[in-house]
PDB file of N, CA and C in Angstrom:
ATOM      1  N   MET A   1     -17.136  57.740 -70.221  1.00  0.00           N
ATOM      2  CA  MET A   1     -16.361  58.955 -70.114  1.00  0.00           C
ATOM      3  C   MET A   1     -15.207  58.712 -69.146  1.00  0.00           C
ATOM      4  N   ARG A   2     -14.016  59.033 -69.532  1.00  0.00           N
ATOM      5  CA  ARG A   2     -12.854  58.801 -68.685  1.00  0.00           C
ATOM      6  C   ARG A   2     -12.742  59.870 -67.599  1.00  0.00           C
ATOM      7  N   LEU A   3     -11.975  59.555 -66.581  1.00  0.00           N
ATOM      8  CA  LEU A   3     -11.761  60.478 -65.482  1.00  0.00           C
ATOM      9  C   LEU A   3     -10.543  61.342 -65.778  1.00  0.00           C
ATOM     10  N   LEU A   4     -10.732  62.643 -65.662  1.00  0.00           N
ATOM     11  CA  LEU A   4      -9.643  63.598 -65.832  1.00  0.00           C
ATOM     12  C   LEU A   4      -9.426  64.297 -64.503  1.00  0.00           C
ATOM     13  N   GLY A   5      -8.173  64.558 -64.177  1.00  0.00           N
ATOM     14  CA  GLY A   5      -7.879  65.216 -62.918  1.00  0.00           C
ATOM     15  C   GLY A   5      -6.773  66.235 -63.065  1.00  0.00           C
ATOM     16  N   THR A   6      -6.907  67.304 -62.308  1.00  0.00           N
ATOM     17  CA  THR A   6      -5.859  68.316 -62.229  1.00  0.00           C
ATOM     18  C   THR A   6      -5.598  68.582 -60.754  1.00  0.00           C
ATOM     19  N   CYS A   7      -4.396  69.038 -60.467  1.00  0.00           N
ATOM     20  CA  CYS A   7      -4.012  69.323 -59.097  1.00  0.00           C
ATOM     21  C   CYS A   7      -3.608  70.779 -58.981  1.00  0.00           C
ATOM     22  N   ARG A   8      -4.032  71.395 -57.885  1.00  0.00           N
ATOM     23  CA  ARG A   8      -3.638  72.768 -57.600  1.00  0.00           C
ATOM     24  C   ARG A   8      -3.504  72.900 -56.093  1.00  0.00           C
ATOM     25  N   ASP A   9      -2.785  73.922 -55.677  1.00  0.00           N
ATOM     26  CA  ASP A   9      -2.599  74.165 -54.251  1.00  0.00           C
ATOM     27  C   ASP A   9      -3.466  75.319 -53.794  1.00  0.00           C
ATOM     28  N   ALA A  10      -4.069  75.147 -52.633  1.00  0.00           N
ATOM     29  CA  ALA A  10      -4.807  76.205 -51.949  1.00  0.00           C
ATOM     30  C   ALA A  10      -4.141  76.302 -50.581  1.00  0.00           C
ATOM     31  N   GLU A  11      -3.119  77.168 -50.515  1.00  0.00           N
ATOM     32  CA  GLU A  11      -2.257  77.261 -49.334  1.00  0.00           C
ATOM     33  C   GLU A  11      -1.575  75.916 -49.130  1.00  0.00           C
ATOM     34  N   ASP A  12      -1.773  75.271 -47.985  1.00  0.00           N
ATOM     35  CA  ASP A  12      -1.092  73.996 -47.734  1.00  0.00           C
ATOM     36  C   ASP A  12      -1.964  72.779 -48.055  1.00  0.00           C
ATOM     37  N   VAL A  13      -3.057  72.989 -48.763  1.00  0.00           N
ATOM     38  CA  VAL A  13      -3.960  71.905 -49.155  1.00  0.00           C
ATOM     39  C   VAL A  13      -3.808  71.632 -50.649  1.00  0.00           C
ATOM     40  N   SER A  14      -3.649  70.356 -50.991  1.00  0.00           N
ATOM     41  CA  SER A  14      -3.618  69.953 -52.395  1.00  0.00           C
ATOM     42  C   SER A  14      -5.048  69.645 -52.818  1.00  0.00           C
ATOM     43  N   VAL A  15      -5.523  70.369 -53.820  1.00  0.00           N
ATOM     44  CA  VAL A  15      -6.889  70.185 -54.306  1.00  0.00           C
ATOM     45  C   VAL A  15      -6.831  69.431 -55.629  1.00  0.00           C
ATOM     46  N   LEU A  16      -7.499  68.288 -55.674  1.00  0.00           N
ATOM     47  CA  LEU A  16      -7.599  67.502 -56.897  1.00  0.00           C
ATOM     48  C   LEU A  16      -8.991  67.729 -57.480  1.00  0.00           C
ATOM     49  N   ASP A  17      -9.038  68.341 -58.655  1.00  0.00           N
ATOM     50  CA  ASP A  17     -10.301  68.593 -59.353  1.00  0.00           C
ATOM     51  C   ASP A  17     -10.502  67.473 -60.366  1.00  0.00           C
ATOM     52  N   PHE A  18     -11.588  66.727 -60.206  1.00  0.00           N
ATOM     53  CA  PHE A  18     -11.869  65.616 -61.107  1.00  0.00           C
ATOM     54  C   PHE A  18     -13.108  65.895 -61.943  1.00  0.00           C
ATOM     55  N   SER A  19     -13.099  65.348 -63.159  1.00  0.00           N
ATOM     56  CA  SER A  19     -14.281  65.385 -64.015  1.00  0.00           C
ATOM     57  C   SER A  19     -14.366  64.053 -64.751  1.00  0.00           C
ATOM     58  N   GLY A  20     -15.588  63.609 -64.970  1.00  0.00           N
ATOM     59  CA  GLY A  20     -15.797  62.339 -65.663  1.00  0.00           C
ATOM     60  C   GLY A  20     -16.437  61.315 -64.764  1.00  0.00           C
ATOM     61  N   GLU A  21     -15.929  60.077 -64.842  1.00  0.00           N
ATOM     62  CA  GLU A  21     -16.501  58.972 -64.085  1.00  0.00           C
ATOM     63  C   GLU A  21     -15.409  58.221 -63.342  1.00  0.00           C
ATOM     64  N   ILE A  22     -15.703  57.864 -62.094  1.00  0.00           N
ATOM     65  CA  ILE A  22     -14.780  57.039 -61.318  1.00  0.00           C
ATOM     66  C   ILE A  22     -15.309  55.615 -61.391  1.00  0.00           C
ATOM     67  N   THR A  23     -14.719  54.845 -62.279  1.00  0.00           N
ATOM     68  CA  THR A  23     -15.207  53.501 -62.556  1.00  0.00           C
ATOM     69  C   THR A  23     -14.051  52.505 -62.604  1.00  0.00           C
ATOM     70  N   LEU A  24     -14.406  51.240 -62.687  1.00  0.00           N
ATOM     71  CA  LEU A  24     -13.426  50.175 -62.799  1.00  0.00           C
ATOM     72  C   LEU A  24     -12.482  50.456 -63.963  1.00  0.00           C
ATOM     73  N   GLY A  25     -11.216  50.287 -63.732  1.00  0.00           N
ATOM     74  CA  GLY A  25     -10.235  50.480 -64.796  1.00  0.00           C
ATOM     75  C   GLY A  25      -9.559  51.827 -64.714  1.00  0.00           C
ATOM     76  N   GLU A  26      -9.579  52.535 -65.816  1.00  0.00           N
ATOM     77  CA  GLU A  26      -8.832  53.777 -65.933  1.00  0.00           C
ATOM     78  C   GLU A  26      -9.267  54.848 -64.934  1.00  0.00           C
ATOM     79  N   GLY A  27     -10.547  54.949 -64.664  1.00  0.00           N
ATOM     80  CA  GLY A  27     -11.044  55.974 -63.742  1.00  0.00           C
ATOM     81  C   GLY A  27     -10.497  55.810 -62.341  1.00  0.00           C
ATOM     82  N   SER A  28     -10.573  54.603 -61.814  1.00  0.00           N
ATOM     83  CA  SER A  28     -10.068  54.396 -60.465  1.00  0.00           C
ATOM     84  C   SER A  28      -8.542  54.441 -60.441  1.00  0.00           C
ATOM     85  N   ALA A  29      -7.896  54.030 -61.528  1.00  0.00           N
ATOM     86  CA  ALA A  29      -6.434  54.092 -61.599  1.00  0.00           C
ATOM     87  C   ALA A  29      -5.943  55.541 -61.604  1.00  0.00           C
ATOM     88  N   THR A  30      -6.663  56.422 -62.272  1.00  0.00           N
ATOM     89  CA  THR A  30      -6.292  57.843 -62.310  1.00  0.00           C
ATOM     90  C   THR A  30      -6.357  58.433 -60.903  1.00  0.00           C
ATOM     91  N   LEU A  31      -7.426  58.166 -60.187  1.00  0.00           N
ATOM     92  CA  LEU A  31      -7.578  58.647 -58.818  1.00  0.00           C
ATOM     93  C   LEU A  31      -6.446  58.112 -57.948  1.00  0.00           C
ATOM     94  N   ARG A  32      -6.204  56.823 -58.011  1.00  0.00           N
ATOM     95  CA  ARG A  32      -5.167  56.184 -57.197  1.00  0.00           C
ATOM     96  C   ARG A  32      -3.790  56.789 -57.477  1.00  0.00           C
ATOM     97  N   LYS A  33      -3.453  56.947 -58.748  1.00  0.00           N
ATOM     98  CA  LYS A  33      -2.135  57.457 -59.141  1.00  0.00           C
ATOM     99  C   LYS A  33      -1.927  58.890 -58.648  1.00  0.00           C
ATOM    100  N   MET A  34      -2.918  59.729 -58.836  1.00  0.00           N
ATOM    101  CA  MET A  34      -2.768  61.133 -58.450  1.00  0.00           C
ATOM    102  C   MET A  34      -2.615  61.288 -56.937  1.00  0.00           C
ATOM    103  N   VAL A  35      -3.406  60.552 -56.173  1.00  0.00           N
ATOM    104  CA  VAL A  35      -3.311  60.640 -54.716  1.00  0.00           C
ATOM    105  C   VAL A  35      -1.985  60.055 -54.243  1.00  0.00           C
ATOM    106  N   ARG A  36      -1.571  58.942 -54.809  1.00  0.00           N
ATOM    107  CA  ARG A  36      -0.306  58.310 -54.420  1.00  0.00           C
ATOM    108  C   ARG A  36       0.864  59.257 -54.678  1.00  0.00           C
ATOM    109  N   GLU A  37       0.854  59.961 -55.804  1.00  0.00           N
ATOM    110  CA  GLU A  37       1.933  60.905 -56.108  1.00  0.00           C
ATOM    111  C   GLU A  37       1.993  62.025 -55.071  1.00  0.00           C
ATOM    112  N   LEU A  38       0.843  62.517 -54.647  1.00  0.00           N
ATOM    113  CA  LEU A  38       0.807  63.564 -53.632  1.00  0.00           C
ATOM    114  C   LEU A  38       1.347  63.057 -52.299  1.00  0.00           C
ATOM    115  N   VAL A  39       0.874  61.900 -51.880  1.00  0.00           N
ATOM    116  CA  VAL A  39       1.304  61.331 -50.599  1.00  0.00           C
ATOM    117  C   VAL A  39       2.801  61.031 -50.640  1.00  0.00           C
ATOM    118  N   ASP A  40       3.269  60.451 -51.732  1.00  0.00           N
ATOM    119  CA  ASP A  40       4.697  60.152 -51.859  1.00  0.00           C
ATOM    120  C   ASP A  40       5.535  61.422 -51.872  1.00  0.00           C
ATOM    121  N   GLY A  41       4.944  62.523 -52.311  1.00  0.00           N
ATOM    122  CA  GLY A  41       5.619  63.811 -52.336  1.00  0.00           C
ATOM    123  C   GLY A  41       5.522  64.577 -51.017  1.00  0.00           C
ATOM    124  N   GLY A  42       4.952  63.939 -50.004  1.00  0.00           N
ATOM    125  CA  GLY A  42       4.892  64.562 -48.681  1.00  0.00           C
ATOM    126  C   GLY A  42       3.649  65.378 -48.399  1.00  0.00           C
ATOM    127  N   LYS A  43       2.698  65.394 -49.319  1.00  0.00           N
ATOM    128  CA  LYS A  43       1.454  66.137 -49.095  1.00  0.00           C
ATOM    129  C   LYS A  43       0.579  65.368 -48.112  1.00  0.00           C
ATOM    130  N   ARG A  44       0.022  66.083 -47.140  1.00  0.00           N
ATOM    131  CA  ARG A  44      -0.773  65.426 -46.106  1.00  0.00           C
ATOM    132  C   ARG A  44      -2.191  65.969 -45.995  1.00  0.00           C
ATOM    133  N   LYS A  45      -2.496  67.047 -46.689  1.00  0.00           N
ATOM    134  CA  LYS A  45      -3.855  67.595 -46.686  1.00  0.00           C
ATOM    135  C   LYS A  45      -4.353  67.562 -48.123  1.00  0.00           C
ATOM    136  N   ILE A  46      -5.328  66.699 -48.373  1.00  0.00           N
ATOM    137  CA  ILE A  46      -5.813  66.486 -49.736  1.00  0.00           C
ATOM    138  C   ILE A  46      -7.326  66.653 -49.779  1.00  0.00           C
ATOM    139  N   LEU A  47      -7.764  67.444 -50.736  1.00  0.00           N
ATOM    140  CA  LEU A  47      -9.190  67.680 -50.970  1.00  0.00           C
ATOM    141  C   LEU A  47      -9.556  67.158 -52.351  1.00  0.00           C
ATOM    142  N   LEU A  48     -10.537  66.273 -52.401  1.00  0.00           N
ATOM    143  CA  LEU A  48     -11.052  65.781 -53.677  1.00  0.00           C
ATOM    144  C   LEU A  48     -12.277  66.613 -54.042  1.00  0.00           C
ATOM    145  N   ASN A  49     -12.158  67.392 -55.112  1.00  0.00           N
ATOM    146  CA  ASN A  49     -13.274  68.187 -55.617  1.00  0.00           C
ATOM    147  C   ASN A  49     -13.968  67.356 -56.692  1.00  0.00           C
ATOM    148  N   LEU A  50     -15.158  66.870 -56.376  1.00  0.00           N
ATOM    149  CA  LEU A  50     -15.878  65.963 -57.285  1.00  0.00           C
ATOM    150  C   LEU A  50     -17.036  66.661 -57.999  1.00  0.00           C
ATOM    151  N   ALA A  51     -16.960  67.973 -58.146  1.00  0.00           N
ATOM    152  CA  ALA A  51     -18.050  68.749 -58.739  1.00  0.00           C
ATOM    153  C   ALA A  51     -18.400  68.301 -60.155  1.00  0.00           C
ATOM    154  N   GLU A  52     -17.422  67.808 -60.889  1.00  0.00           N
ATOM    155  CA  GLU A  52     -17.655  67.416 -62.280  1.00  0.00           C
ATOM    156  C   GLU A  52     -17.680  65.896 -62.481  1.00  0.00           C
ATOM    157  N   VAL A  53     -17.760  65.146 -61.387  1.00  0.00           N
ATOM    158  CA  VAL A  53     -17.842  63.687 -61.481  1.00  0.00           C
ATOM    159  C   VAL A  53     -19.310  63.308 -61.588  1.00  0.00           C
ATOM    160  N   GLN A  54     -19.661  62.738 -62.717  1.00  0.00           N
ATOM    161  CA  GLN A  54     -21.066  62.438 -62.990  1.00  0.00           C
ATOM    162  C   GLN A  54     -21.503  61.046 -62.552  1.00  0.00           C
ATOM    163  N   TYR A  55     -20.533  60.149 -62.365  1.00  0.00           N
ATOM    164  CA  TYR A  55     -20.899  58.760 -62.071  1.00  0.00           C
ATOM    165  C   TYR A  55     -19.775  58.090 -61.300  1.00  0.00           C
ATOM    166  N   ILE A  56     -20.148  57.214 -60.382  1.00  0.00           N
ATOM    167  CA  ILE A  56     -19.178  56.393 -59.659  1.00  0.00           C
ATOM    168  C   ILE A  56     -19.781  55.003 -59.502  1.00  0.00           C
ATOM    169  N   ASP A  57     -18.998  53.972 -59.835  1.00  0.00           N
ATOM    170  CA  ASP A  57     -19.488  52.602 -59.675  1.00  0.00           C
ATOM    171  C   ASP A  57     -18.873  51.995 -58.414  1.00  0.00           C
ATOM    172  N   SER A  58     -19.141  50.707 -58.176  1.00  0.00           N
ATOM    173  CA  SER A  58     -18.657  50.072 -56.953  1.00  0.00           C
ATOM    174  C   SER A  58     -17.124  50.056 -56.887  1.00  0.00           C
ATOM    175  N   ALA A  59     -16.464  49.896 -58.022  1.00  0.00           N
ATOM    176  CA  ALA A  59     -14.999  49.942 -58.033  1.00  0.00           C
ATOM    177  C   ALA A  59     -14.519  51.342 -57.669  1.00  0.00           C
ATOM    178  N   GLY A  60     -15.227  52.357 -58.114  1.00  0.00           N
ATOM    179  CA  GLY A  60     -14.888  53.732 -57.767  1.00  0.00           C
ATOM    180  C   GLY A  60     -15.071  53.994 -56.288  1.00  0.00           C
ATOM    181  N   VAL A  61     -16.131  53.448 -55.709  1.00  0.00           N
ATOM    182  CA  VAL A  61     -16.356  53.573 -54.270  1.00  0.00           C
ATOM    183  C   VAL A  61     -15.207  52.901 -53.523  1.00  0.00           C
ATOM    184  N   GLY A  62     -14.829  51.721 -53.987  1.00  0.00           N
ATOM    185  CA  GLY A  62     -13.705  51.014 -53.381  1.00  0.00           C
ATOM    186  C   GLY A  62     -12.418  51.821 -53.466  1.00  0.00           C
ATOM    187  N   GLU A  63     -12.218  52.496 -54.581  1.00  0.00           N
ATOM    188  CA  GLU A  63     -11.018  53.313 -54.747  1.00  0.00           C
ATOM    189  C   GLU A  63     -11.045  54.527 -53.830  1.00  0.00           C
ATOM    190  N   LEU A  64     -12.214  55.110 -53.597  1.00  0.00           N
ATOM    191  CA  LEU A  64     -12.313  56.205 -52.627  1.00  0.00           C
ATOM    192  C   LEU A  64     -11.911  55.724 -51.231  1.00  0.00           C
ATOM    193  N   VAL A  65     -12.354  54.527 -50.868  1.00  0.00           N
ATOM    194  CA  VAL A  65     -11.986  53.968 -49.564  1.00  0.00           C
ATOM    195  C   VAL A  65     -10.474  53.726 -49.507  1.00  0.00           C
ATOM    196  N   ASN A  66      -9.902  53.172 -50.582  1.00  0.00           N
ATOM    197  CA  ASN A  66      -8.452  52.962 -50.636  1.00  0.00           C
ATOM    198  C   ASN A  66      -7.699  54.282 -50.537  1.00  0.00           C
ATOM    199  N   THR A  67      -8.214  55.307 -51.191  1.00  0.00           N
ATOM    200  CA  THR A  67      -7.602  56.630 -51.141  1.00  0.00           C
ATOM    201  C   THR A  67      -7.597  57.151 -49.708  1.00  0.00           C
ATOM    202  N   TYR A  68      -8.721  57.017 -49.044  1.00  0.00           N
ATOM    203  CA  TYR A  68      -8.827  57.433 -47.645  1.00  0.00           C
ATOM    204  C   TYR A  68      -7.788  56.702 -46.793  1.00  0.00           C
ATOM    205  N   THR A  69      -7.693  55.388 -46.974  1.00  0.00           N
ATOM    206  CA  THR A  69      -6.754  54.569 -46.216  1.00  0.00           C
ATOM    207  C   THR A  69      -5.312  54.974 -46.490  1.00  0.00           C
ATOM    208  N   THR A  70      -4.989  55.253 -47.738  1.00  0.00           N
ATOM    209  CA  THR A  70      -3.637  55.672 -48.118  1.00  0.00           C
ATOM    210  C   THR A  70      -3.260  56.983 -47.430  1.00  0.00           C
ATOM    211  N   VAL A  71      -4.152  57.956 -47.505  1.00  0.00           N
ATOM    212  CA  VAL A  71      -3.875  59.277 -46.929  1.00  0.00           C
ATOM    213  C   VAL A  71      -3.785  59.186 -45.411  1.00  0.00           C
ATOM    214  N   ARG A  72      -4.723  58.522 -44.789  1.00  0.00           N
ATOM    215  CA  ARG A  72      -4.719  58.390 -43.325  1.00  0.00           C
ATOM    216  C   ARG A  72      -3.511  57.586 -42.850  1.00  0.00           C
ATOM    217  N   GLY A  73      -3.140  56.564 -43.606  1.00  0.00           N
ATOM    218  CA  GLY A  73      -1.979  55.752 -43.252  1.00  0.00           C
ATOM    219  C   GLY A  73      -0.681  56.542 -43.281  1.00  0.00           C
ATOM    220  N   ALA A  74      -0.659  57.600 -44.073  1.00  0.00           N
ATOM    221  CA  ALA A  74       0.519  58.468 -44.161  1.00  0.00           C
ATOM    222  C   ALA A  74       0.435  59.620 -43.163  1.00  0.00           C
ATOM    223  N   GLY A  75      -0.575  59.592 -42.302  1.00  0.00           N
ATOM    224  CA  GLY A  75      -0.733  60.645 -41.302  1.00  0.00           C
ATOM    225  C   GLY A  75      -1.418  61.890 -41.838  1.00  0.00           C
ATOM    226  N   GLY A  76      -2.140  61.734 -42.943  1.00  0.00           N
ATOM    227  CA  GLY A  76      -2.779  62.884 -43.568  1.00  0.00           C
ATOM    228  C   GLY A  76      -4.271  62.963 -43.336  1.00  0.00           C
ATOM    229  N   GLU A  77      -4.856  63.994 -43.935  1.00  0.00           N
ATOM    230  CA  GLU A  77      -6.297  64.229 -43.885  1.00  0.00           C
ATOM    231  C   GLU A  77      -6.842  64.264 -45.303  1.00  0.00           C
ATOM    232  N   LEU A  78      -7.998  63.666 -45.493  1.00  0.00           N
ATOM    233  CA  LEU A  78      -8.673  63.673 -46.788  1.00  0.00           C
ATOM    234  C   LEU A  78     -10.083  64.209 -46.594  1.00  0.00           C
ATOM    235  N   LYS A  79     -10.464  65.135 -47.457  1.00  0.00           N
ATOM    236  CA  LYS A  79     -11.827  65.659 -47.456  1.00  0.00           C
ATOM    237  C   LYS A  79     -12.361  65.579 -48.879  1.00  0.00           C
ATOM    238  N   ILE A  80     -13.677  65.497 -48.982  1.00  0.00           N
ATOM    239  CA  ILE A  80     -14.350  65.429 -50.281  1.00  0.00           C
ATOM    240  C   ILE A  80     -15.353  66.570 -50.329  1.00  0.00           C
ATOM    241  N   ALA A  81     -15.435  67.241 -51.479  1.00  0.00           N
ATOM    242  CA  ALA A  81     -16.356  68.372 -51.605  1.00  0.00           C
ATOM    243  C   ALA A  81     -17.052  68.372 -52.957  1.00  0.00           C
ATOM    244  N   ASN A  82     -18.144  69.123 -53.000  1.00  0.00           N
ATOM    245  CA  ASN A  82     -18.891  69.381 -54.241  1.00  0.00           C
ATOM    246  C   ASN A  82     -19.430  68.112 -54.902  1.00  0.00           C
ATOM    247  N   LEU A  83     -20.107  67.288 -54.128  1.00  0.00           N
ATOM    248  CA  LEU A  83     -20.663  66.064 -54.706  1.00  0.00           C
ATOM    249  C   LEU A  83     -21.861  66.383 -55.593  1.00  0.00           C
ATOM    250  N   THR A  84     -21.892  65.756 -56.755  1.00  0.00           N
ATOM    251  CA  THR A  84     -23.085  65.837 -57.588  1.00  0.00           C
ATOM    252  C   THR A  84     -24.169  64.990 -56.924  1.00  0.00           C
ATOM    253  N   LYS A  85     -25.405  65.178 -57.324  1.00  0.00           N
ATOM    254  CA  LYS A  85     -26.496  64.428 -56.701  1.00  0.00           C
ATOM    255  C   LYS A  85     -26.276  62.928 -56.811  1.00  0.00           C
ATOM    256  N   ARG A  86     -25.870  62.466 -57.964  1.00  0.00           N
ATOM    257  CA  ARG A  86     -25.683  61.030 -58.171  1.00  0.00           C
ATOM    258  C   ARG A  86     -24.585  60.469 -57.263  1.00  0.00           C
ATOM    259  N   VAL A  87     -23.454  61.171 -57.182  1.00  0.00           N
ATOM    260  CA  VAL A  87     -22.359  60.710 -56.327  1.00  0.00           C
ATOM    261  C   VAL A  87     -22.759  60.826 -54.860  1.00  0.00           C
ATOM    262  N   HIS A  88     -23.443  61.902 -54.505  1.00  0.00           N
ATOM    263  CA  HIS A  88     -23.952  62.069 -53.138  1.00  0.00           C
ATOM    264  C   HIS A  88     -24.835  60.892 -52.752  1.00  0.00           C
ATOM    265  N   ASP A  89     -25.729  60.493 -53.641  1.00  0.00           N
ATOM    266  CA  ASP A  89     -26.638  59.389 -53.354  1.00  0.00           C
ATOM    267  C   ASP A  89     -25.876  58.082 -53.126  1.00  0.00           C
ATOM    268  N   VAL A  90     -24.833  57.834 -53.914  1.00  0.00           N
ATOM    269  CA  VAL A  90     -24.023  56.619 -53.751  1.00  0.00           C
ATOM    270  C   VAL A  90     -23.298  56.646 -52.405  1.00  0.00           C
ATOM    271  N   ILE A  91     -22.710  57.779 -52.063  1.00  0.00           N
ATOM    272  CA  ILE A  91     -21.996  57.907 -50.784  1.00  0.00           C
ATOM    273  C   ILE A  91     -22.965  57.710 -49.619  1.00  0.00           C
ATOM    274  N   GLN A  92     -24.158  58.254 -49.753  1.00  0.00           N
ATOM    275  CA  GLN A  92     -25.154  58.113 -48.698  1.00  0.00           C
ATOM    276  C   GLN A  92     -25.660  56.669 -48.613  1.00  0.00           C
ATOM    277  N   LEU A  93     -25.947  56.060 -49.742  1.00  0.00           N
ATOM    278  CA  LEU A  93     -26.458  54.692 -49.774  1.00  0.00           C
ATOM    279  C   LEU A  93     -25.463  53.704 -49.174  1.00  0.00           C
ATOM    280  N   THR A  94     -24.178  53.928 -49.435  1.00  0.00           N
ATOM    281  CA  THR A  94     -23.143  53.029 -48.921  1.00  0.00           C
ATOM    282  C   THR A  94     -22.701  53.393 -47.503  1.00  0.00           C
ATOM    283  N   ARG A  95     -23.303  54.435 -46.940  1.00  0.00           N
ATOM    284  CA  ARG A  95     -23.013  54.908 -45.589  1.00  0.00           C
ATOM    285  C   ARG A  95     -21.566  55.365 -45.409  1.00  0.00           C
ATOM    286  N   LEU A  96     -20.962  55.803 -46.489  1.00  0.00           N
ATOM    287  CA  LEU A  96     -19.584  56.276 -46.409  1.00  0.00           C
ATOM    288  C   LEU A  96     -19.482  57.662 -45.775  1.00  0.00           C
ATOM    289  N   TYR A  97     -20.620  58.308 -45.533  1.00  0.00           N
ATOM    290  CA  TYR A  97     -20.599  59.568 -44.805  1.00  0.00           C
ATOM    291  C   TYR A  97     -20.034  59.365 -43.399  1.00  0.00           C
ATOM    292  N   THR A  98     -20.122  58.142 -42.891  1.00  0.00           N
ATOM    293  CA  THR A  98     -19.585  57.862 -41.564  1.00  0.00           C
ATOM    294  C   THR A  98     -18.060  57.793 -41.572  1.00  0.00           C
ATOM    295  N   ILE A  99     -17.463  57.646 -42.736  1.00  0.00           N
ATOM    296  CA  ILE A  99     -16.000  57.558 -42.866  1.00  0.00           C
ATOM    297  C   ILE A  99     -15.414  58.855 -43.406  1.00  0.00           C
ATOM    298  N   PHE A 100     -15.964  59.343 -44.494  1.00  0.00           N
ATOM    299  CA  PHE A 100     -15.414  60.508 -45.178  1.00  0.00           C
ATOM    300  C   PHE A 100     -15.877  61.819 -44.549  1.00  0.00           C
ATOM    301  N   ASP A 101     -15.001  62.800 -44.618  1.00  0.00           N
ATOM    302  CA  ASP A 101     -15.362  64.162 -44.231  1.00  0.00           C
ATOM    303  C   ASP A 101     -15.852  64.840 -45.506  1.00  0.00           C
ATOM    304  N   VAL A 102     -17.169  64.834 -45.703  1.00  0.00           N
ATOM    305  CA  VAL A 102     -17.769  65.395 -46.910  1.00  0.00           C
ATOM    306  C   VAL A 102     -18.236  66.817 -46.604  1.00  0.00           C
ATOM    307  N   GLN A 103     -17.801  67.752 -47.433  1.00  0.00           N
ATOM    308  CA  GLN A 103     -18.146  69.155 -47.264  1.00  0.00           C
ATOM    309  C   GLN A 103     -18.961  69.626 -48.470  1.00  0.00           C
ATOM    310  N   PRO A 104     -19.839  70.602 -48.259  1.00  0.00           N
ATOM    311  CA  PRO A 104     -20.693  71.050 -49.364  1.00  0.00           C
ATOM    312  C   PRO A 104     -19.933  71.737 -50.494  1.00  0.00           C
ATOM    313  N   ASP A 105     -18.824  72.408 -50.160  1.00  0.00           N
ATOM    314  CA  ASP A 105     -18.060  73.109 -51.190  1.00  0.00           C
ATOM    315  C   ASP A 105     -16.601  73.243 -50.770  1.00  0.00           C
ATOM    316  N   GLU A 106     -15.789  73.761 -51.673  1.00  0.00           N
ATOM    317  CA  GLU A 106     -14.354  73.877 -51.420  1.00  0.00           C
ATOM    318  C   GLU A 106     -14.055  74.813 -50.252  1.00  0.00           C
ATOM    319  N   ARG A 107     -14.757  75.897 -50.187  1.00  0.00           N
ATOM    320  CA  ARG A 107     -14.518  76.870 -49.115  1.00  0.00           C
ATOM    321  C   ARG A 107     -14.725  76.247 -47.735  1.00  0.00           C
ATOM    322  N   ALA A 108     -15.814  75.498 -47.580  1.00  0.00           N
ATOM    323  CA  ALA A 108     -16.099  74.836 -46.309  1.00  0.00           C
ATOM    324  C   ALA A 108     -15.016  73.809 -45.981  1.00  0.00           C
ATOM    325  N   ALA A 109     -14.573  73.082 -46.988  1.00  0.00           N
ATOM    326  CA  ALA A 109     -13.525  72.081 -46.772  1.00  0.00           C
ATOM    327  C   ALA A 109     -12.218  72.729 -46.343  1.00  0.00           C
ATOM    328  N   LEU A 110     -11.840  73.820 -47.019  1.00  0.00           N
ATOM    329  CA  LEU A 110     -10.597  74.517 -46.661  1.00  0.00           C
ATOM    330  C   LEU A 110     -10.682  75.069 -45.250  1.00  0.00           C
ATOM    331  N   ASN A 111     -11.847  75.578 -44.867  1.00  0.00           N
ATOM    332  CA  ASN A 111     -12.038  76.068 -43.505  1.00  0.00           C
ATOM    333  C   ASN A 111     -11.870  74.948 -42.485  1.00  0.00           C
ATOM    334  N   LYS A 112     -12.372  73.748 -42.814  1.00  0.00           N
ATOM    335  CA  LYS A 112     -12.221  72.593 -41.923  1.00  0.00           C
ATOM    336  C   LYS A 112     -10.754  72.203 -41.778  1.00  0.00           C
ATOM    337  N   PHE A 113      -9.993  72.275 -42.875  1.00  0.00           N
ATOM    338  CA  PHE A 113      -8.556  71.992 -42.795  1.00  0.00           C
ATOM    339  C   PHE A 113      -7.872  72.981 -41.862  1.00  0.00           C
ATOM    340  N   ARG A 114      -8.315  74.218 -41.886  1.00  0.00           N
ATOM    341  CA  ARG A 114      -7.727  75.262 -41.040  1.00  0.00           C
ATOM    342  C   ARG A 114      -8.207  75.179 -39.600  1.00  0.00           C
ATOM    343  N   GLY A 115      -9.200  74.343 -39.341  1.00  0.00           N
ATOM    344  CA  GLY A 115      -9.724  74.223 -37.985  1.00  0.00           C
ATOM    345  C   GLY A 115     -10.886  75.147 -37.697  1.00  0.00           C
ATOM    346  N   ALA A 116     -11.306  75.943 -38.684  1.00  0.00           N
ATOM    347  CA  ALA A 116     -12.459  76.829 -38.506  1.00  0.00           C
ATOM    348  C   ALA A 116     -13.736  76.037 -38.747  1.00  0.00           C
ATOM    349  N   GLN A 117     -14.802  76.468 -38.118  1.00  0.00           N
ATOM    350  CA  GLN A 117     -16.086  75.775 -38.316  1.00  0.00           C
ATOM    351  C   GLN A 117     -17.008  76.549 -39.188  1.00  0.00           C
TER     352      GLN A 117
END
């Protein structure tokens, strides 16, 4: 299943809603392209909504790390929300919780961007 993504704004946060699989090839390229376009366009607050992402492989994990590096390198913030159980397990197994700001849902993530707890 290919990765599909849409972008919308929630105030000053760019929310990328993904569905499908983040895998080697087209899936990771879609993620990379969409985030790069936002960063190149001056967006600095990016939320990845992974509620509809059913699978992520090692290349997809690598692309998430690259995405984080791209956003942080541009002086931005990246948050991830709405992990499915399978994606949550991969993030936990790879200990990426120590790097990523993972939030249970979009509302919590937006509150974190605003500085609210």
